[in-house]
C-alpha atoms as a PDB file:
ATOM      1  CA  MET A   1     104.146  97.517  82.361  1.00  0.00           C
ATOM      2  CA  GLY A   2     100.386  97.560  81.788  1.00  0.00           C
ATOM      3  CA  ASP A   3      97.833 100.351  81.644  1.00  0.00           C
ATOM      4  CA  ASP A   4      96.872 100.517  85.312  1.00  0.00           C
ATOM      5  CA  PRO A   5      97.662 103.957  86.803  1.00  0.00           C
ATOM      6  CA  VAL A   6      99.177 102.256  89.857  1.00  0.00           C
ATOM      7  CA  LEU A   7     100.845  98.837  89.767  1.00  0.00           C
ATOM      8  CA  TYR A   8     100.685  96.649  92.872  1.00  0.00           C
ATOM      9  CA  ASP A   9     103.232  93.971  93.736  1.00  0.00           C
ATOM     10  CA  VAL A  10     104.198  92.191  96.960  1.00  0.00           C
ATOM     11  CA  ALA A  11     107.517  90.504  97.668  1.00  0.00           C
ATOM     12  CA  GLU A  12     109.206  89.679 100.971  1.00  0.00           C
ATOM     13  CA  ARG A  13     106.321  91.246 102.948  1.00  0.00           C
ATOM     14  CA  VAL A  14     106.821  94.575 101.122  1.00  0.00           C
ATOM     15  CA  ALA A  15     104.028  95.994  98.941  1.00  0.00           C
ATOM     16  CA  VAL A  16     105.406  98.092  96.087  1.00  0.00           C
ATOM     17  CA  LEU A  17     103.010 100.669  94.633  1.00  0.00           C
ATOM     18  CA  THR A  18     104.290 101.996  91.316  1.00  0.00           C
ATOM     19  CA  LEU A  19     102.923 105.189  89.760  1.00  0.00           C
ATOM     20  CA  ASN A  20     102.481 104.165  86.130  1.00  0.00           C
ATOM     21  CA  ARG A  21     101.858 107.238  83.967  1.00  0.00           C
ATOM     22  CA  PRO A  22     105.384 107.862  82.653  1.00  0.00           C
ATOM     23  CA  GLY A  23     104.139 109.767  79.614  1.00  0.00           C
ATOM     24  CA  ALA A  24     102.429 112.270  81.934  1.00  0.00           C
ATOM     25  CA  LEU A  25     105.341 112.334  84.415  1.00  0.00           C
ATOM     26  CA  ASN A  26     103.184 110.331  86.844  1.00  0.00           C
ATOM     27  CA  ALA A  27     100.922 113.309  87.402  1.00  0.00           C
ATOM     28  CA  LEU A  28      98.171 112.747  89.953  1.00  0.00           C
ATOM     29  CA  SER A  29      95.184 112.635  87.638  1.00  0.00           C
ATOM     30  CA  ASP A  30      91.711 111.727  88.877  1.00  0.00           C
ATOM     31  CA  ALA A  31      92.336 108.124  87.802  1.00  0.00           C
ATOM     32  CA  MET A  32      95.764 108.059  89.471  1.00  0.00           C
ATOM     33  CA  LEU A  33      94.368 109.350  92.768  1.00  0.00           C
ATOM     34  CA  ALA A  34      91.579 106.750  92.710  1.00  0.00           C
ATOM     35  CA  ALA A  35      94.042 103.969  91.923  1.00  0.00           C
ATOM     36  CA  LEU A  36      96.487 105.103  94.610  1.00  0.00           C
ATOM     37  CA  LYS A  37      93.686 105.221  97.157  1.00  0.00           C
ATOM     38  CA  ALA A  38      92.621 101.695  96.239  1.00  0.00           C
ATOM     39  CA  ALA A  39      96.204 100.401  96.391  1.00  0.00           C
ATOM     40  CA  LEU A  40      96.827 101.956  99.803  1.00  0.00           C
ATOM     41  CA  GLN A  41      93.589 100.499 101.119  1.00  0.00           C
ATOM     42  CA  ARG A  42      94.535  97.079  99.718  1.00  0.00           C
ATOM     43  CA  ALA A  43      97.946  97.195 101.398  1.00  0.00           C
ATOM     44  CA  GLY A  44      96.509  98.411 104.689  1.00  0.00           C
ATOM     45  CA  GLU A  45      94.082  95.489 104.836  1.00  0.00           C
ATOM     46  CA  ASP A  46      96.717  92.858 104.026  1.00  0.00           C
ATOM     47  CA  ALA A  47      98.104  91.422 107.270  1.00  0.00           C
ATOM     48  CA  ALA A  48     100.986  89.850 105.332  1.00  0.00           C
ATOM     49  CA  VAL A  49     102.273  93.273 104.224  1.00  0.00           C
ATOM     50  CA  LYS A  50     104.637  94.867 106.721  1.00  0.00           C
ATOM     51  CA  VAL A  51     105.999  97.803 104.686  1.00  0.00           C
ATOM     52  CA  VAL A  52     104.761  99.798 101.693  1.00  0.00           C
ATOM     53  CA  VAL A  53     107.003 101.424  99.071  1.00  0.00           C
ATOM     54  CA  ILE A  54     105.725 104.087  96.660  1.00  0.00           C
ATOM     55  CA  ARG A  55     107.774 104.693  93.519  1.00  0.00           C
ATOM     56  CA  GLY A  56     107.328 105.933  89.950  1.00  0.00           C
ATOM     57  CA  ILE A  57     108.089 104.656  86.460  1.00  0.00           C
ATOM     58  CA  GLY A  58     109.800 106.787  83.837  1.00  0.00           C
ATOM     59  CA  LYS A  59     111.853 109.943  84.114  1.00  0.00           C
ATOM     60  CA  VAL A  60     110.392 111.271  87.376  1.00  0.00           C
ATOM     61  CA  PHE A  61     108.737 110.209  90.607  1.00  0.00           C
ATOM     62  CA  CYS A  62     105.727 112.522  90.338  1.00  0.00           C
ATOM     63  CA  ALA A  63     105.191 115.950  88.784  1.00  0.00           C
ATOM     64  CA  GLY A  64     102.178 116.870  90.911  1.00  0.00           C
ATOM     65  CA  HIS A  65      98.605 117.338  89.778  1.00  0.00           C
ATOM     66  CA  ASP A  66      97.635 116.920  86.121  1.00  0.00           C
ATOM     67  CA  LEU A  67      97.444 120.571  85.002  1.00  0.00           C
ATOM     68  CA  LYS A  68      95.743 119.749  81.694  1.00  0.00           C
ATOM     69  CA  GLU A  69      93.029 117.837  83.516  1.00  0.00           C
ATOM     70  CA  MET A  70      92.672 120.687  85.999  1.00  0.00           C
ATOM     71  CA  GLN A  71      92.197 123.218  83.208  1.00  0.00           C
ATOM     72  CA  ALA A  72      89.546 120.988  81.634  1.00  0.00           C
ATOM     73  CA  GLY A  73      87.804 120.778  85.010  1.00  0.00           C
ATOM     74  CA  ARG A  74      87.793 124.564  85.266  1.00  0.00           C
ATOM     75  CA  ALA A  75      86.176 124.877  81.834  1.00  0.00           C
ATOM     76  CA  ALA A  76      83.528 122.252  82.546  1.00  0.00           C
ATOM     77  CA  ALA A  77      81.997 123.967  85.581  1.00  0.00           C
ATOM     78  CA  ASP A  78      81.228 127.436  86.906  1.00  0.00           C
ATOM     79  CA  LYS A  79      84.865 128.568  87.048  1.00  0.00           C
ATOM     80  CA  GLY A  80      85.696 125.079  88.301  1.00  0.00           C
ATOM     81  CA  ALA A  81      84.994 125.756  91.991  1.00  0.00           C
ATOM     82  CA  ALA A  82      83.135 122.498  92.618  1.00  0.00           C
ATOM     83  CA  TYR A  83      85.637 120.475  90.618  1.00  0.00           C
ATOM     84  CA  PHE A  84      88.654 121.963  92.369  1.00  0.00           C
ATOM     85  CA  ALA A  85      87.105 121.554  95.840  1.00  0.00           C
ATOM     86  CA  ASP A  86      86.443 117.910  95.059  1.00  0.00           C
ATOM     87  CA  LEU A  87      89.918 117.361  93.569  1.00  0.00           C
ATOM     88  CA  PHE A  88      91.843 118.834  96.479  1.00  0.00           C
ATOM     89  CA  GLY A  89      89.554 117.061  98.934  1.00  0.00           C
ATOM     90  CA  ARG A  90      90.213 113.704  97.279  1.00  0.00           C
ATOM     91  CA  CYS A  91      93.932 114.383  97.137  1.00  0.00           C
ATOM     92  CA  GLY A  92      93.994 115.341 100.808  1.00  0.00           C
ATOM     93  CA  GLU A  93      92.138 112.156 101.674  1.00  0.00           C
ATOM     94  CA  VAL A  94      94.770 110.034  99.890  1.00  0.00           C
ATOM     95  CA  MET A  95      97.643 111.890 101.563  1.00  0.00           C
ATOM     96  CA  GLN A  96      96.066 111.378 104.990  1.00  0.00           C
ATOM     97  CA  MET A  97      95.720 107.651 104.330  1.00  0.00           C
ATOM     98  CA  ILE A  98      99.510 107.267 104.339  1.00  0.00           C
ATOM     99  CA  PRO A  99     100.270 108.195 107.967  1.00  0.00           C
ATOM    100  CA  ALA A 100      97.052 106.431 108.977  1.00  0.00           C
ATOM    101  CA  LEU A 101      98.108 103.182 107.286  1.00  0.00           C
ATOM    102  CA  PRO A 102      99.141 100.468 109.788  1.00  0.00           C
ATOM    103  CA  GLN A 103     102.416  99.830 107.953  1.00  0.00           C
ATOM    104  CA  PRO A 104     105.331 102.236 107.454  1.00  0.00           C
ATOM    105  CA  VAL A 105     105.345 103.799 103.983  1.00  0.00           C
ATOM    106  CA  ILE A 106     108.592 104.639 102.166  1.00  0.00           C
ATOM    107  CA  ALA A 107     108.842 106.923  99.127  1.00  0.00           C
ATOM    108  CA  GLN A 108     111.459 105.876  96.554  1.00  0.00           C
ATOM    109  CA  VAL A 109     112.212 109.092  94.681  1.00  0.00           C
ATOM    110  CA  HIS A 110     114.007 109.692  91.396  1.00  0.00           C
ATOM    111  CA  GLY A 111     113.949 112.576  88.945  1.00  0.00           C
ATOM    112  CA  ILE A 112     111.674 115.199  90.433  1.00  0.00           C
ATOM    113  CA  ALA A 113     108.959 115.311  93.062  1.00  0.00           C
ATOM    114  CA  THR A 114     107.169 118.590  92.640  1.00  0.00           C
ATOM    115  CA  ALA A 115     103.992 120.212  94.028  1.00  0.00           C
ATOM    116  CA  ALA A 116     101.592 117.366  94.945  1.00  0.00           C
ATOM    117  CA  GLY A 117     104.433 114.958  94.128  1.00  0.00           C
ATOM    118  CA  CYS A 118     106.533 116.578  96.832  1.00  0.00           C
ATOM    119  CA  GLN A 119     103.464 116.466  99.069  1.00  0.00           C
ATOM    120  CA  LEU A 120     103.311 112.710  98.463  1.00  0.00           C
ATOM    121  CA  VAL A 121     106.935 112.321  99.570  1.00  0.00           C
ATOM    122  CA  ALA A 122     106.343 114.465 102.657  1.00  0.00           C
ATOM    123  CA  SER A 123     103.264 112.417 103.532  1.00  0.00           C
ATOM    124  CA  CYS A 124     105.253 109.177 103.591  1.00  0.00           C
ATOM    125  CA  ASP A 125     106.810 108.004 106.833  1.00  0.00           C
ATOM    126  CA  MET A 126     110.271 107.774 105.266  1.00  0.00           C
ATOM    127  CA  ALA A 127     111.904 108.585 101.941  1.00  0.00           C
ATOM    128  CA  VAL A 128     114.925 107.444  99.968  1.00  0.00           C
ATOM    129  CA  ALA A 129     116.113 109.607  97.073  1.00  0.00           C
ATOM    130  CA  ALA A 130     118.491 109.231  94.170  1.00  0.00           C
ATOM    131  CA  THR A 131     121.394 111.670  94.249  1.00  0.00           C
ATOM    132  CA  ASP A 132     120.012 113.435  91.169  1.00  0.00           C
ATOM    133  CA  ALA A 133     116.466 113.791  92.552  1.00  0.00           C
ATOM    134  CA  ARG A 134     115.011 117.251  93.148  1.00  0.00           C
ATOM    135  CA  PHE A 135     112.138 118.400  95.337  1.00  0.00           C
ATOM    136  CA  GLY A 136     109.960 121.470  94.938  1.00  0.00           C
ATOM    137  CA  VAL A 137     106.596 123.070  95.628  1.00  0.00           C
ATOM    138  CA  ASN A 138     106.737 125.168  92.507  1.00  0.00           C
ATOM    139  CA  GLY A 139     103.126 126.239  92.053  1.00  0.00           C
ATOM    140  CA  VAL A 140     104.001 129.819  92.922  1.00  0.00           C
ATOM    141  CA  ASN A 141     105.928 129.994  89.631  1.00  0.00           C
ATOM    142  CA  ILE A 142     102.646 129.698  87.723  1.00  0.00           C
ATOM    143  CA  GLY A 143     100.598 131.776  90.156  1.00  0.00           C
ATOM    144  CA  LEU A 144      99.269 128.927  92.299  1.00  0.00           C
ATOM    145  CA  PHE A 145     100.545 128.788  95.883  1.00  0.00           C
ATOM    146  CA  CYS A 146     101.002 125.143  96.949  1.00  0.00           C
ATOM    147  CA  SER A 147      98.719 125.427  99.960  1.00  0.00           C
ATOM    148  CA  THR A 148      97.716 121.774 100.260  1.00  0.00           C
ATOM    149  CA  PRO A 149     101.272 120.455  99.693  1.00  0.00           C
ATOM    150  CA  MET A 150     102.300 122.951 102.371  1.00  0.00           C
ATOM    151  CA  VAL A 151     100.434 120.924 105.007  1.00  0.00           C
ATOM    152  CA  ALA A 152     102.664 117.869 104.665  1.00  0.00           C
ATOM    153  CA  LEU A 153     105.788 119.875 103.846  1.00  0.00           C
ATOM    154  CA  SER A 154     105.535 122.098 106.931  1.00  0.00           C
ATOM    155  CA  ARG A 155     105.220 118.998 109.098  1.00  0.00           C
ATOM    156  CA  ASN A 156     108.521 117.670 107.756  1.00  0.00           C
ATOM    157  CA  LEU A 157     110.746 120.732 107.397  1.00  0.00           C
ATOM    158  CA  PRO A 158     111.612 123.585 109.743  1.00  0.00           C
ATOM    159  CA  ARG A 159     109.207 126.438 109.020  1.00  0.00           C
ATOM    160  CA  LYS A 160     111.657 128.825 107.417  1.00  0.00           C
ATOM    161  CA  HIS A 161     112.924 126.185 104.999  1.00  0.00           C
ATOM    162  CA  ALA A 162     109.384 125.187 104.053  1.00  0.00           C
ATOM    163  CA  PHE A 163     108.304 128.796 103.577  1.00  0.00           C
ATOM    164  CA  GLU A 164     111.309 129.543 101.405  1.00  0.00           C
ATOM    165  CA  MET A 165     110.472 126.607  99.140  1.00  0.00           C
ATOM    166  CA  LEU A 166     106.830 127.685  98.915  1.00  0.00           C
ATOM    167  CA  THR A 167     107.542 131.324  98.098  1.00  0.00           C
ATOM    168  CA  THR A 168     110.555 130.974  95.776  1.00  0.00           C
ATOM    169  CA  GLY A 169     109.475 127.906  93.828  1.00  0.00           C
ATOM    170  CA  GLU A 170     113.062 126.700  93.889  1.00  0.00           C
ATOM    171  CA  PHE A 171     114.106 123.060  94.035  1.00  0.00           C
ATOM    172  CA  LEU A 172     115.985 121.284  96.789  1.00  0.00           C
ATOM    173  CA  THR A 173     118.695 118.834  95.819  1.00  0.00           C
ATOM    174  CA  ALA A 174     118.487 115.337  97.264  1.00  0.00           C
ATOM    175  CA  GLU A 175     121.316 116.040  99.678  1.00  0.00           C
ATOM    176  CA  ARG A 176     119.718 119.282 100.837  1.00  0.00           C
ATOM    177  CA  ALA A 177     116.396 117.471 101.241  1.00  0.00           C
ATOM    178  CA  ARG A 178     118.169 114.990 103.503  1.00  0.00           C
ATOM    179  CA  GLU A 179     119.767 117.795 105.524  1.00  0.00           C
ATOM    180  CA  VAL A 180     116.444 119.519 106.221  1.00  0.00           C
ATOM    181  CA  GLY A 181     114.553 116.316 107.019  1.00  0.00           C
ATOM    182  CA  LEU A 182     112.471 115.570 103.923  1.00  0.00           C
ATOM    183  CA  VAL A 183     114.561 112.531 102.995  1.00  0.00           C
ATOM    184  CA  ASN A 184     116.125 109.814 105.171  1.00  0.00           C
ATOM    185  CA  ARG A 185     118.705 108.364 102.788  1.00  0.00           C
ATOM    186  CA  VAL A 186     120.336 109.314  99.490  1.00  0.00           C
ATOM    187  CA  ALA A 187     121.685 106.759  97.027  1.00  0.00           C
ATOM    188  CA  ALA A 188     123.256 106.685  93.597  1.00  0.00           C
ATOM    189  CA  PRO A 189     120.559 106.249  90.914  1.00  0.00           C
ATOM    190  CA  GLU A 190     121.686 102.719  90.151  1.00  0.00           C
ATOM    191  CA  ALA A 191     121.484 101.832  93.861  1.00  0.00           C
ATOM    192  CA  LEU A 192     118.171 103.568  94.621  1.00  0.00           C
ATOM    193  CA  GLU A 193     115.946 100.510  94.483  1.00  0.00           C
ATOM    194  CA  ALA A 194     118.395  98.344  96.433  1.00  0.00           C
ATOM    195  CA  THR A 195     118.810 101.009  99.119  1.00  0.00           C
ATOM    196  CA  THR A 196     115.046 101.465  99.433  1.00  0.00           C
ATOM    197  CA  MET A 197     114.364  97.750  99.601  1.00  0.00           C
ATOM    198  CA  ASP A 198     117.148  97.262 102.154  1.00  0.00           C
ATOM    199  CA  LEU A 199     115.424  99.795 104.410  1.00  0.00           C
ATOM    200  CA  ALA A 200     112.035  98.209 103.732  1.00  0.00           C
ATOM    201  CA  ARG A 201     113.277  94.700 104.510  1.00  0.00           C
ATOM    202  CA  THR A 202     114.939  95.907 107.718  1.00  0.00           C
ATOM    203  CA  VAL A 203     111.637  97.334 108.961  1.00  0.00           C
ATOM    204  CA  ALA A 204     109.694  94.317 107.678  1.00  0.00           C
ATOM    205  CA  GLY A 205     111.924  92.090 109.795  1.00  0.00           C
ATOM    206  CA  LYS A 206     110.670  93.662 113.025  1.00  0.00           C
ATOM    207  CA  LEU A 207     107.612  92.516 114.944  1.00  0.00           C
ATOM    208  CA  GLY A 208     104.729  93.797 112.834  1.00  0.00           C
ATOM    209  CA  ALA A 209     102.359  94.309 115.749  1.00  0.00           C
ATOM    210  CA  ALA A 210     104.916  96.461 117.575  1.00  0.00           C
ATOM    211  CA  VAL A 211     105.571  98.609 114.503  1.00  0.00           C
ATOM    212  CA  ARG A 212     101.833  99.080 113.904  1.00  0.00           C
ATOM    213  CA  ILE A 213     101.295 100.125 117.522  1.00  0.00           C
ATOM    214  CA  GLY A 214     104.331 102.389 117.354  1.00  0.00           C
ATOM    215  CA  LYS A 215     103.372 104.097 114.109  1.00  0.00           C
ATOM    216  CA  ARG A 216      99.922 104.940 115.415  1.00  0.00           C
ATOM    217  CA  ALA A 217     101.402 106.308 118.634  1.00  0.00           C
ATOM    218  CA  PHE A 218     104.088 108.268 116.774  1.00  0.00           C
ATOM    219  CA  TYR A 219     101.512 110.422 115.002  1.00  0.00           C
ATOM    220  CA  GLU A 220      99.022 110.586 117.854  1.00  0.00           C
ATOM    221  CA  GLN A 221     101.501 111.873 120.446  1.00  0.00           C
ATOM    222  CA  ALA A 222     103.044 114.456 118.111  1.00  0.00           C
ATOM    223  CA  GLY A 223     100.124 116.847 118.530  1.00  0.00           C
ATOM    224  CA  MET A 224      99.729 116.423 122.295  1.00  0.00           C
ATOM    225  CA  PRO A 225     101.071 118.529 125.180  1.00  0.00           C
ATOM    226  CA  LEU A 226     104.087 116.896 126.809  1.00  0.00           C
ATOM    227  CA  ASP A 227     102.292 115.548 129.880  1.00  0.00           C
ATOM    228  CA  GLN A 228      99.434 114.132 127.812  1.00  0.00           C
ATOM    229  CA  ALA A 229     101.902 112.568 125.367  1.00  0.00           C
ATOM    230  CA  TYR A 230     103.654 110.717 128.202  1.00  0.00           C
ATOM    231  CA  ARG A 231     100.356 109.452 129.626  1.00  0.00           C
ATOM    232  CA  TYR A 232      99.246 108.278 126.207  1.00  0.00           C
ATOM    233  CA  THR A 233     102.507 106.599 125.240  1.00  0.00           C
ATOM    234  CA  GLY A 234     102.758 104.985 128.677  1.00  0.00           C
ATOM    235  CA  ALA A 235      99.442 103.267 127.956  1.00  0.00           C
ATOM    236  CA  VAL A 236     100.743 102.301 124.503  1.00  0.00           C
ATOM    237  CA  MET A 237     103.829 100.734 126.103  1.00  0.00           C
ATOM    238  CA  VAL A 238     101.552  98.697 128.380  1.00  0.00           C
ATOM    239  CA  GLU A 239      99.581  97.499 125.347  1.00  0.00           C
ATOM    240  CA  ASN A 240     102.804  96.543 123.581  1.00  0.00           C
ATOM    241  CA  MET A 241     104.321  94.798 126.629  1.00  0.00           C
ATOM    242  CA  LEU A 242     101.276  92.546 126.985  1.00  0.00           C
ATOM    243  CA  LEU A 243     101.661  91.093 123.487  1.00  0.00           C
ATOM    244  CA  ARG A 244     102.659  87.443 123.413  1.00  0.00           C
ATOM    245  CA  ASP A 245     105.316  88.135 120.767  1.00  0.00           C
ATOM    246  CA  THR A 246     106.834  90.966 122.796  1.00  0.00           C
ATOM    247  CA  ASP A 247     107.218  88.636 125.745  1.00  0.00           C
ATOM    248  CA  GLU A 248     108.858  86.133 123.409  1.00  0.00           C
ATOM    249  CA  GLY A 249     111.144  88.828 121.965  1.00  0.00           C
ATOM    250  CA  ILE A 250     112.375  89.873 125.414  1.00  0.00           C
ATOM    251  CA  ALA A 251     112.893  86.242 126.454  1.00  0.00           C
ATOM    252  CA  ALA A 252     114.827  85.538 123.253  1.00  0.00           C
ATOM    253  CA  PHE A 253     117.062  88.563 123.837  1.00  0.00           C
ATOM    254  CA  ILE A 254     117.834  87.466 127.388  1.00  0.00           C
ATOM    255  CA  GLU A 255     118.474  83.901 126.240  1.00  0.00           C
ATOM    256  CA  LYS A 256     120.556  85.079 123.260  1.00  0.00           C
ATOM    257  CA  ARG A 257     118.460  83.349 120.603  1.00  0.00           C
ATOM    258  CA  LYS A 258     116.248  84.303 117.666  1.00  0.00           C
ATOM    259  CA  PRO A 259     112.658  85.089 118.702  1.00  0.00           C
ATOM    260  CA  ASP A 260     109.899  82.712 117.632  1.00  0.00           C
ATOM    261  CA  TRP A 261     107.326  85.308 116.607  1.00  0.00           C
ATOM    262  CA  ALA A 262     103.898  84.267 115.472  1.00  0.00           C
ATOM    263  CA  GLY A 263     103.359  87.438 113.444  1.00  0.00           C
END
C-alpha cells in the first residue's frame, strides 16, 4: 500500500489515516510521528472532512515507540537526553493535536495497542476495537514507566484502573477496555471496519459546525469549576443557536422535514 508511513484517504466526508509500517508493528518512529502530524494537520484544515479515523495496517494497531530507533538515539548523544526530550515532546505535540482537531477522531483498533499506541487510542475522541484487540501500557515490564502515555490514559480511565495498568504492565481485553471507558464499541474482527465507519458516518451526518463547536467546548469545560463551566457552555450554546443552519435544523424538526443545511 505504498511506502508512506501514514496513508491518507477521504471518502464520504471521513478522512482515514492509516499507520503503514506493518513490518515494525506500526511503531511510532520519528518518520511516523512527522507523517501523522502532517496528516492530522491536513485533515483539520479540510472543511469537507467531518470525521477522522485512525487505523493500522498489518497484525496490530500500534506497538508504541520504535525501541530500536530509541536505542540508536541514546547512543548518538550524551546518554540520549536531548534526543529523548525532543522525541517525547514531539509525540506529546501529536497527541495533543487530536483533541484540538475540529473534527471528532475515532481510533479503529485491532491486534494490540501498547505504550504510545495505547496513548494514541486514549487521545482519540472515540474508539472502536476488534474483540481480539488488547490494550496495555507495558513499559514497566522493560523498566520504563509509561509516564507520557499515562497522561491520556488517566484522562480516560478511573484512576485505580489506570494505575493498575501502568504498574503491572498487564493487558486489557477489548471488552474490559469498553467497560472501563477506553473503548466505545467492540466488534468482531471481520466487522471492525464496518462498525467504525458506521459510527463515523453517523457523526459525519450531523451539522459540522455544531459538532466543531461542541468538541471544543467538551474539552474546555472539562477542566473548569462547575459554575465556570456553566457560564462558558451557556455562551457556547448562544453561539450555536445563532448559526443559520441551527435555525434551519430546529425549523425542520418542527415542520417534520429534512433540514437544508449549507454545511
